[in-house]
Amino acid sequence: MSTKPISSPWLAGYAWVLLALLLIPLIALVPISFGDSATMSALPDKLSLRWYREVLGGQEWRNAFSWSLLTTSVATLLATSVGYLAAYAIVHSRTRFKAILEILMLMPMMVPTVIVAFSTYILATWMPANATWLMIAIGQALLALPVATLIMAASLRGIDPTILRAAVSLGGQRAQVFRMVTLPIAMHGILSAAALSFLIAFDELLIAVFLTKPGLETLPVRIYDSVTYELTPAIAVVSVFLMGLISLAMIAGALIRRFVAAAASNPASR
């Protein structure tokens, strides 16, 4: 029994409908953020920058963003560096413990997030009180580690071993081969792993809820408290601000990739 393939106009229309359904809730936040009243409305009666001034000028929101930026940056560094070492061992190791290492690296993805959060909280009770932010970063790094490891392992598997053997045969030391051969080839995977680790860590709520204390509140915790106790257009302002930052980061990444591709294809630049 033969079936007719879906024509391209119908397939394109279906794709556009799905895209619109995904984007409409996000786009609806823009007019809400410009509302003047204390309640959220999709079509505000009066447009105003009241809540933008409230969020951007509010000390609590700025502190929450600063703490999130600090913990997320540390978590991204930890997840990317440890994930690269684990990915290298998974790809190039020939020992019988290779499968065990892979399972250990993927363990935070297999267990519920609340278990990771609770174990991080137990570990934090043994640490000094001023190290709470570091424990939040470690917990965020644990959740980002499996994704970073998988991405960089895939990137390392794409490197032709003959290239590495040729570099060694030409007298390259291990550090030189890594810096001049492996790192440039795997850089795209490393940057992708770092970007996804940053997004996973920045969006993490449970670990921060377990470890939050007065004076230390990440942005997801601040948003959660605001939604729970005071549902105002300030939430829409923060959402629009984060969407703008992510859009700028994606545009910058696309421009950088285009620049690198153009430089690699231009013989005069070599």
C-alpha atoms as a PDB file:
ATOM      1  CA  MET A   1       0.000   0.000   0.000  1.00  0.00           C
ATOM      2  CA  SER A   2       1.584   3.260  -1.117  1.00  0.00           C
ATOM      3  CA  THR A   3       1.193   6.529   0.698  1.00  0.00           C
ATOM      4  CA  LYS A   4       1.481   9.963  -0.769  1.00  0.00           C
ATOM      5  CA  PRO A   5       4.302  12.089   0.609  1.00  0.00           C
ATOM      6  CA  ILE A   6       3.294  15.317   2.292  1.00  0.00           C
ATOM      7  CA  SER A   7       3.765  18.230  -0.078  1.00  0.00           C
ATOM      8  CA  SER A   8       6.334  20.795   0.933  1.00  0.00           C
ATOM      9  CA  PRO A   9       3.835  23.721   1.310  1.00  0.00           C
ATOM     10  CA  TRP A  10       1.764  21.700   3.795  1.00  0.00           C
ATOM     11  CA  LEU A  11       4.893  20.612   5.657  1.00  0.00           C
ATOM     12  CA  ALA A  12       6.175  24.194   5.784  1.00  0.00           C
ATOM     13  CA  GLY A  13       2.789  25.430   7.010  1.00  0.00           C
ATOM     14  CA  TYR A  14       2.710  22.774   9.716  1.00  0.00           C
ATOM     15  CA  ALA A  15       6.198  23.789  10.842  1.00  0.00           C
ATOM     16  CA  TRP A  16       5.223  27.474  10.979  1.00  0.00           C
ATOM     17  CA  VAL A  17       2.124  26.673  13.052  1.00  0.00           C
ATOM     18  CA  LEU A  18       4.205  24.708  15.554  1.00  0.00           C
ATOM     19  CA  LEU A  19       6.737  27.527  15.700  1.00  0.00           C
ATOM     20  CA  ALA A  20       3.993  30.068  16.322  1.00  0.00           C
ATOM     21  CA  LEU A  21       2.509  27.965  19.134  1.00  0.00           C
ATOM     22  CA  LEU A  22       5.933  27.849  20.776  1.00  0.00           C
ATOM     23  CA  LEU A  23       6.669  31.564  20.370  1.00  0.00           C
ATOM     24  CA  ILE A  24       3.267  33.102  21.198  1.00  0.00           C
ATOM     25  CA  PRO A  25       3.610  32.564  24.992  1.00  0.00           C
ATOM     26  CA  LEU A  26       7.051  34.158  24.895  1.00  0.00           C
ATOM     27  CA  ILE A  27       6.016  37.091  22.715  1.00  0.00           C
ATOM     28  CA  ALA A  28       3.005  37.710  24.968  1.00  0.00           C
ATOM     29  CA  LEU A  29       5.423  38.575  27.786  1.00  0.00           C
ATOM     30  CA  VAL A  30       6.575  41.713  25.948  1.00  0.00           C
ATOM     31  CA  PRO A  31       3.316  43.759  26.258  1.00  0.00           C
ATOM     32  CA  ILE A  32       2.814  42.407  29.789  1.00  0.00           C
ATOM     33  CA  SER A  33       6.209  43.794  30.793  1.00  0.00           C
ATOM     34  CA  PHE A  34       5.150  47.294  29.698  1.00  0.00           C
ATOM     35  CA  GLY A  35       2.038  47.319  31.848  1.00  0.00           C
ATOM     36  CA  ASP A  36       1.522  50.041  34.450  1.00  0.00           C
ATOM     37  CA  SER A  37      -0.742  48.240  36.913  1.00  0.00           C
ATOM     38  CA  ALA A  38       0.311  45.892  39.711  1.00  0.00           C
ATOM     39  CA  THR A  39      -1.422  42.946  38.046  1.00  0.00           C
ATOM     40  CA  MET A  40      -0.406  41.082  34.912  1.00  0.00           C
ATOM     41  CA  SER A  41      -2.449  41.720  31.794  1.00  0.00           C
ATOM     42  CA  ALA A  42      -1.784  40.530  28.241  1.00  0.00           C
ATOM     43  CA  LEU A  43      -3.212  43.823  26.911  1.00  0.00           C
ATOM     44  CA  PRO A  44      -2.366  46.547  29.457  1.00  0.00           C
ATOM     45  CA  ASP A  45      -4.531  49.658  29.479  1.00  0.00           C
ATOM     46  CA  LYS A  46      -1.513  51.929  29.796  1.00  0.00           C
ATOM     47  CA  LEU A  47       2.046  51.386  28.601  1.00  0.00           C
ATOM     48  CA  SER A  48       4.772  52.296  31.035  1.00  0.00           C
ATOM     49  CA  LEU A  49       8.379  51.541  32.011  1.00  0.00           C
ATOM     50  CA  ARG A  50       7.389  51.300  35.663  1.00  0.00           C
ATOM     51  CA  TRP A  51       8.342  47.670  36.118  1.00  0.00           C
ATOM     52  CA  TYR A  52      11.545  48.015  34.101  1.00  0.00           C
ATOM     53  CA  ARG A  53      12.611  50.724  36.555  1.00  0.00           C
ATOM     54  CA  GLU A  54      11.467  48.499  39.413  1.00  0.00           C
ATOM     55  CA  VAL A  55      13.543  45.521  38.265  1.00  0.00           C
ATOM     56  CA  LEU A  56      16.620  47.217  36.834  1.00  0.00           C
ATOM     57  CA  GLY A  57      16.790  49.660  39.724  1.00  0.00           C
ATOM     58  CA  GLY A  58      15.820  47.232  42.474  1.00  0.00           C
ATOM     59  CA  GLN A  59      18.656  46.055  44.694  1.00  0.00           C
ATOM     60  CA  GLU A  60      17.100  42.620  45.282  1.00  0.00           C
ATOM     61  CA  TRP A  61      16.832  41.813  41.585  1.00  0.00           C
ATOM     62  CA  ARG A  62      20.346  43.052  40.853  1.00  0.00           C
ATOM     63  CA  ASN A  63      21.803  41.031  43.735  1.00  0.00           C
ATOM     64  CA  ALA A  64      19.954  37.929  42.555  1.00  0.00           C
ATOM     65  CA  PHE A  65      21.292  38.362  39.021  1.00  0.00           C
ATOM     66  CA  SER A  66      24.834  38.922  40.356  1.00  0.00           C
ATOM     67  CA  TRP A  67      24.713  35.759  42.485  1.00  0.00           C
ATOM     68  CA  SER A  68      23.347  33.751  39.557  1.00  0.00           C
ATOM     69  CA  LEU A  69      26.060  35.068  37.275  1.00  0.00           C
ATOM     70  CA  LEU A  70      28.771  34.180  39.820  1.00  0.00           C
ATOM     71  CA  THR A  71      27.562  30.658  40.626  1.00  0.00           C
ATOM     72  CA  THR A  72      26.752  29.884  36.992  1.00  0.00           C
ATOM     73  CA  SER A  73      30.161  31.025  35.755  1.00  0.00           C
ATOM     74  CA  VAL A  74      31.953  28.847  38.323  1.00  0.00           C
ATOM     75  CA  ALA A  75      29.651  25.915  37.546  1.00  0.00           C
ATOM     76  CA  THR A  76      30.311  26.292  33.815  1.00  0.00           C
ATOM     77  CA  LEU A  77      34.070  26.305  34.399  1.00  0.00           C
ATOM     78  CA  LEU A  78      33.882  23.219  36.619  1.00  0.00           C
ATOM     79  CA  ALA A  79      31.536  21.272  34.334  1.00  0.00           C
ATOM     80  CA  THR A  80      33.534  22.070  31.194  1.00  0.00           C
ATOM     81  CA  SER A  81      36.975  21.300  32.636  1.00  0.00           C
ATOM     82  CA  VAL A  82      35.958  18.106  34.480  1.00  0.00           C
ATOM     83  CA  GLY A  83      33.752  17.075  31.567  1.00  0.00           C
ATOM     84  CA  TYR A  84      36.643  17.423  29.121  1.00  0.00           C
ATOM     85  CA  LEU A  85      38.905  15.227  31.255  1.00  0.00           C
ATOM     86  CA  ALA A  86      36.135  12.640  31.570  1.00  0.00           C
ATOM     87  CA  ALA A  87      35.361  12.791  27.841  1.00  0.00           C
ATOM     88  CA  TYR A  88      39.036  12.333  26.987  1.00  0.00           C
ATOM     89  CA  ALA A  89      39.249   9.297  29.283  1.00  0.00           C
ATOM     90  CA  ILE A  90      36.034   7.824  27.864  1.00  0.00           C
ATOM     91  CA  VAL A  91      37.190   8.235  24.255  1.00  0.00           C
ATOM     92  CA  HIS A  92      40.876   7.292  24.559  1.00  0.00           C
ATOM     93  CA  SER A  93      41.077   5.059  27.629  1.00  0.00           C
ATOM     94  CA  ARG A  94      41.459   1.311  27.077  1.00  0.00           C
ATOM     95  CA  THR A  95      41.013   0.196  30.685  1.00  0.00           C
ATOM     96  CA  ARG A  96      38.143  -1.928  31.956  1.00  0.00           C
ATOM     97  CA  PHE A  97      37.021   0.965  34.180  1.00  0.00           C
ATOM     98  CA  LYS A  98      35.980   3.005  31.150  1.00  0.00           C
ATOM     99  CA  ALA A  99      32.334   1.880  31.364  1.00  0.00           C
ATOM    100  CA  ILE A 100      32.252   2.621  35.106  1.00  0.00           C
ATOM    101  CA  LEU A 101      33.603   6.122  34.495  1.00  0.00           C
ATOM    102  CA  GLU A 102      30.955   6.763  31.852  1.00  0.00           C
ATOM    103  CA  ILE A 103      28.198   5.651  34.232  1.00  0.00           C
ATOM    104  CA  LEU A 104      29.574   7.883  37.000  1.00  0.00           C
ATOM    105  CA  MET A 105      29.662  10.900  34.700  1.00  0.00           C
ATOM    106  CA  LEU A 106      26.060  10.301  33.627  1.00  0.00           C
ATOM    107  CA  MET A 107      24.794   9.575  37.156  1.00  0.00           C
ATOM    108  CA  PRO A 108      23.489  13.132  37.845  1.00  0.00           C
ATOM    109  CA  MET A 109      21.300  12.762  34.752  1.00  0.00           C
ATOM    110  CA  MET A 110      19.907   9.414  35.901  1.00  0.00           C
ATOM    111  CA  VAL A 111      18.836  10.350  39.422  1.00  0.00           C
ATOM    112  CA  PRO A 112      16.108  12.901  40.294  1.00  0.00           C
ATOM    113  CA  THR A 113      17.311  16.467  40.650  1.00  0.00           C
ATOM    114  CA  VAL A 114      16.012  16.651  44.209  1.00  0.00           C
ATOM    115  CA  ILE A 115      18.493  13.925  45.231  1.00  0.00           C
ATOM    116  CA  VAL A 116      21.383  15.930  43.809  1.00  0.00           C
ATOM    117  CA  ALA A 117      20.061  19.023  45.584  1.00  0.00           C
ATOM    118  CA  PHE A 118      19.687  17.221  48.905  1.00  0.00           C
ATOM    119  CA  SER A 119      23.153  15.644  48.711  1.00  0.00           C
ATOM    120  CA  THR A 120      24.631  19.054  47.934  1.00  0.00           C
ATOM    121  CA  TYR A 121      22.796  20.473  50.947  1.00  0.00           C
ATOM    122  CA  ILE A 122      24.222  17.734  53.211  1.00  0.00           C
ATOM    123  CA  LEU A 123      27.712  18.459  51.908  1.00  0.00           C
ATOM    124  CA  ALA A 124      27.184  22.185  52.488  1.00  0.00           C
ATOM    125  CA  THR A 125      26.475  21.582  56.181  1.00  0.00           C
ATOM    126  CA  TRP A 126      30.099  20.485  56.563  1.00  0.00           C
ATOM    127  CA  MET A 127      31.441  23.596  54.840  1.00  0.00           C
ATOM    128  CA  PRO A 128      31.933  27.136  56.204  1.00  0.00           C
ATOM    129  CA  ALA A 129      28.888  29.388  56.021  1.00  0.00           C
ATOM    130  CA  ASN A 130      30.558  31.751  53.552  1.00  0.00           C
ATOM    131  CA  ALA A 131      31.099  28.859  51.110  1.00  0.00           C
ATOM    132  CA  THR A 132      27.372  28.413  50.414  1.00  0.00           C
ATOM    133  CA  TRP A 133      27.589  30.101  47.020  1.00  0.00           C
ATOM    134  CA  LEU A 134      30.400  27.711  46.061  1.00  0.00           C
ATOM    135  CA  MET A 135      28.267  24.711  47.025  1.00  0.00           C
ATOM    136  CA  ILE A 136      25.471  26.066  44.828  1.00  0.00           C
ATOM    137  CA  ALA A 137      27.960  26.287  41.955  1.00  0.00           C
ATOM    138  CA  ILE A 138      29.169  22.715  42.595  1.00  0.00           C
ATOM    139  CA  GLY A 139      25.591  21.427  42.600  1.00  0.00           C
ATOM    140  CA  GLN A 140      24.845  23.272  39.362  1.00  0.00           C
ATOM    141  CA  ALA A 141      28.042  21.849  37.844  1.00  0.00           C
ATOM    142  CA  LEU A 142      26.952  18.319  38.774  1.00  0.00           C
ATOM    143  CA  LEU A 143      23.730  18.742  36.809  1.00  0.00           C
ATOM    144  CA  ALA A 144      25.546  20.205  33.795  1.00  0.00           C
ATOM    145  CA  LEU A 145      28.388  17.661  33.848  1.00  0.00           C
ATOM    146  CA  PRO A 146      26.641  14.804  31.951  1.00  0.00           C
ATOM    147  CA  VAL A 147      25.616  17.056  29.062  1.00  0.00           C
ATOM    148  CA  ALA A 148      29.068  18.647  28.843  1.00  0.00           C
ATOM    149  CA  THR A 149      30.750  15.234  28.900  1.00  0.00           C
ATOM    150  CA  LEU A 150      28.555  13.796  26.152  1.00  0.00           C
ATOM    151  CA  ILE A 151      29.041  16.804  23.866  1.00  0.00           C
ATOM    152  CA  MET A 152      32.818  16.889  24.253  1.00  0.00           C
ATOM    153  CA  ALA A 153      33.110  13.108  23.927  1.00  0.00           C
ATOM    154  CA  ALA A 154      31.283  13.336  20.579  1.00  0.00           C
ATOM    155  CA  SER A 155      33.623  16.143  19.535  1.00  0.00           C
ATOM    156  CA  LEU A 156      36.734  14.164  20.491  1.00  0.00           C
ATOM    157  CA  ARG A 157      35.497  11.074  18.650  1.00  0.00           C
ATOM    158  CA  GLY A 158      35.341  13.185  15.492  1.00  0.00           C
ATOM    159  CA  ILE A 159      39.099  13.833  15.562  1.00  0.00           C
ATOM    160  CA  ASP A 160      41.008  11.561  13.165  1.00  0.00           C
ATOM    161  CA  PRO A 161      43.603   9.621  15.213  1.00  0.00           C
ATOM    162  CA  THR A 162      46.043   9.743  12.304  1.00  0.00           C
ATOM    163  CA  ILE A 163      46.268  13.522  12.752  1.00  0.00           C
ATOM    164  CA  LEU A 164      47.348  13.083  16.374  1.00  0.00           C
ATOM    165  CA  ARG A 165      49.832  10.349  15.460  1.00  0.00           C
ATOM    166  CA  ALA A 166      51.277  12.581  12.735  1.00  0.00           C
ATOM    167  CA  ALA A 167      51.718  15.414  15.225  1.00  0.00           C
ATOM    168  CA  VAL A 168      53.508  13.096  17.665  1.00  0.00           C
ATOM    169  CA  SER A 169      55.723  11.660  14.925  1.00  0.00           C
ATOM    170  CA  LEU A 170      56.806  15.186  14.010  1.00  0.00           C
ATOM    171  CA  GLY A 171      58.159  15.685  17.534  1.00  0.00           C
ATOM    172  CA  GLY A 172      55.192  17.310  19.219  1.00  0.00           C
ATOM    173  CA  GLN A 173      54.976  16.973  22.995  1.00  0.00           C
ATOM    174  CA  ARG A 174      51.669  16.080  24.617  1.00  0.00           C
ATOM    175  CA  ALA A 175      51.012  19.683  25.673  1.00  0.00           C
ATOM    176  CA  GLN A 176      51.884  20.957  22.196  1.00  0.00           C
ATOM    177  CA  VAL A 177      49.623  18.405  20.484  1.00  0.00           C
ATOM    178  CA  PHE A 178      46.760  19.396  22.783  1.00  0.00           C
ATOM    179  CA  ARG A 179      47.277  23.140  22.312  1.00  0.00           C
ATOM    180  CA  MET A 180      47.949  23.165  18.562  1.00  0.00           C
ATOM    181  CA  VAL A 181      45.946  20.194  17.258  1.00  0.00           C
ATOM    182  CA  THR A 182      43.335  18.787  19.637  1.00  0.00           C
ATOM    183  CA  LEU A 183      42.083  22.053  21.124  1.00  0.00           C
ATOM    184  CA  PRO A 184      41.423  23.890  17.825  1.00  0.00           C
ATOM    185  CA  ILE A 185      39.573  20.889  16.365  1.00  0.00           C
ATOM    186  CA  ALA A 186      37.524  20.246  19.499  1.00  0.00           C
ATOM    187  CA  MET A 187      36.908  23.928  20.263  1.00  0.00           C
ATOM    188  CA  HIS A 188      33.435  23.933  18.728  1.00  0.00           C
ATOM    189  CA  GLY A 189      32.362  21.071  20.986  1.00  0.00           C
ATOM    190  CA  ILE A 190      33.974  22.671  24.040  1.00  0.00           C
ATOM    191  CA  LEU A 191      32.198  25.978  23.440  1.00  0.00           C
ATOM    192  CA  SER A 192      28.888  24.192  22.854  1.00  0.00           C
ATOM    193  CA  ALA A 193      29.337  22.237  26.088  1.00  0.00           C
ATOM    194  CA  ALA A 194      30.166  25.433  27.981  1.00  0.00           C
ATOM    195  CA  ALA A 195      27.128  27.243  26.560  1.00  0.00           C
ATOM    196  CA  LEU A 196      24.716  24.438  27.467  1.00  0.00           C
ATOM    197  CA  SER A 197      26.321  24.064  30.897  1.00  0.00           C
ATOM    198  CA  PHE A 198      25.786  27.771  31.492  1.00  0.00           C
ATOM    199  CA  LEU A 199      22.111  27.552  30.535  1.00  0.00           C
ATOM    200  CA  ILE A 200      21.509  24.451  32.684  1.00  0.00           C
ATOM    201  CA  ALA A 201      23.242  26.013  35.694  1.00  0.00           C
ATOM    202  CA  PHE A 202      21.565  29.396  35.279  1.00  0.00           C
ATOM    203  CA  ASP A 203      18.103  27.808  35.180  1.00  0.00           C
ATOM    204  CA  GLU A 204      18.634  25.548  38.210  1.00  0.00           C
ATOM    205  CA  LEU A 205      16.165  26.169  41.045  1.00  0.00           C
ATOM    206  CA  LEU A 206      16.082  23.203  43.440  1.00  0.00           C
ATOM    207  CA  ILE A 207      19.722  23.364  44.531  1.00  0.00           C
ATOM    208  CA  ALA A 208      19.484  27.103  45.140  1.00  0.00           C
ATOM    209  CA  VAL A 209      16.233  26.616  47.104  1.00  0.00           C
ATOM    210  CA  PHE A 210      17.953  24.105  49.399  1.00  0.00           C
ATOM    211  CA  LEU A 211      20.968  26.365  49.986  1.00  0.00           C
ATOM    212  CA  THR A 212      19.497  29.851  49.826  1.00  0.00           C
ATOM    213  CA  LYS A 213      19.884  32.119  52.835  1.00  0.00           C
ATOM    214  CA  PRO A 214      19.402  35.832  53.608  1.00  0.00           C
ATOM    215  CA  GLY A 215      21.678  37.823  51.339  1.00  0.00           C
ATOM    216  CA  LEU A 216      22.242  34.883  48.971  1.00  0.00           C
ATOM    217  CA  GLU A 217      19.404  34.431  46.497  1.00  0.00           C
ATOM    218  CA  THR A 218      19.868  33.422  42.874  1.00  0.00           C
ATOM    219  CA  LEU A 219      17.651  34.731  40.105  1.00  0.00           C
ATOM    220  CA  PRO A 220      15.511  31.558  39.744  1.00  0.00           C
ATOM    221  CA  VAL A 221      14.825  31.640  43.510  1.00  0.00           C
ATOM    222  CA  ARG A 222      13.927  35.324  43.317  1.00  0.00           C
ATOM    223  CA  ILE A 223      11.556  34.619  40.415  1.00  0.00           C
ATOM    224  CA  TYR A 224      10.003  31.702  42.305  1.00  0.00           C
ATOM    225  CA  ASP A 225       9.428  33.839  45.401  1.00  0.00           C
ATOM    226  CA  SER A 226       7.981  36.631  43.288  1.00  0.00           C
ATOM    227  CA  VAL A 227       5.574  34.257  41.537  1.00  0.00           C
ATOM    228  CA  THR A 228       4.561  32.719  44.867  1.00  0.00           C
ATOM    229  CA  TYR A 229       4.013  35.880  46.898  1.00  0.00           C
ATOM    230  CA  GLU A 230       3.623  38.809  44.457  1.00  0.00           C
ATOM    231  CA  LEU A 231       2.630  38.021  40.882  1.00  0.00           C
ATOM    232  CA  THR A 232       3.480  41.310  39.165  1.00  0.00           C
ATOM    233  CA  PRO A 233       4.706  42.295  35.673  1.00  0.00           C
ATOM    234  CA  ALA A 234       8.232  42.285  37.135  1.00  0.00           C
ATOM    235  CA  ILE A 235       8.365  38.580  36.208  1.00  0.00           C
ATOM    236  CA  ALA A 236       7.639  39.474  32.579  1.00  0.00           C
ATOM    237  CA  VAL A 237      10.366  42.125  32.650  1.00  0.00           C
ATOM    238  CA  VAL A 238      12.944  39.610  33.877  1.00  0.00           C
ATOM    239  CA  SER A 239      11.788  37.093  31.265  1.00  0.00           C
ATOM    240  CA  VAL A 240      12.058  39.626  28.441  1.00  0.00           C
ATOM    241  CA  PHE A 241      15.484  40.680  29.685  1.00  0.00           C
ATOM    242  CA  LEU A 242      16.738  37.068  29.735  1.00  0.00           C
ATOM    243  CA  MET A 243      15.263  36.346  26.297  1.00  0.00           C
ATOM    244  CA  GLY A 244      17.077  39.404  24.963  1.00  0.00           C
ATOM    245  CA  LEU A 245      20.386  38.256  26.451  1.00  0.00           C
ATOM    246  CA  ILE A 246      19.975  34.743  25.027  1.00  0.00           C
ATOM    247  CA  SER A 247      19.055  36.136  21.599  1.00  0.00           C
ATOM    248  CA  LEU A 248      22.134  38.379  21.593  1.00  0.00           C
ATOM    249  CA  ALA A 249      24.307  35.428  22.623  1.00  0.00           C
ATOM    250  CA  MET A 250      22.894  33.288  19.810  1.00  0.00           C
ATOM    251  CA  ILE A 251      23.446  36.047  17.253  1.00  0.00           C
ATOM    252  CA  ALA A 252      27.004  36.567  18.499  1.00  0.00           C
ATOM    253  CA  GLY A 253      27.665  32.827  18.299  1.00  0.00           C
ATOM    254  CA  ALA A 254      26.347  32.675  14.735  1.00  0.00           C
ATOM    255  CA  LEU A 255      28.521  35.642  13.713  1.00  0.00           C
ATOM    256  CA  ILE A 256      31.589  34.103  15.322  1.00  0.00           C
ATOM    257  CA  ARG A 257      30.998  30.757  13.564  1.00  0.00           C
ATOM    258  CA  ARG A 258      30.564  32.570  10.238  1.00  0.00           C
ATOM    259  CA  PHE A 259      33.748  34.551  10.827  1.00  0.00           C
ATOM    260  CA  VAL A 260      35.726  31.415  11.724  1.00  0.00           C
ATOM    261  CA  ALA A 261      34.374  29.540   8.698  1.00  0.00           C
ATOM    262  CA  ALA A 262      35.238  32.458   6.412  1.00  0.00           C
ATOM    263  CA  ALA A 263      38.741  32.714   7.858  1.00  0.00           C
ATOM    264  CA  ALA A 264      39.293  28.970   7.452  1.00  0.00           C
ATOM    265  CA  SER A 265      38.132  28.995   3.820  1.00  0.00           C
ATOM    266  CA  ASN A 266      40.250  32.036   2.897  1.00  0.00           C
ATOM    267  CA  PRO A 267      43.699  30.887   1.749  1.00  0.00           C
ATOM    268  CA  ALA A 268      45.145  34.379   2.266  1.00  0.00           C
ATOM    269  CA  SER A 269      44.484  34.145   6.016  1.00  0.00           C
ATOM    270  CA  ARG A 270      46.658  31.069   6.428  1.00  0.00           C
END
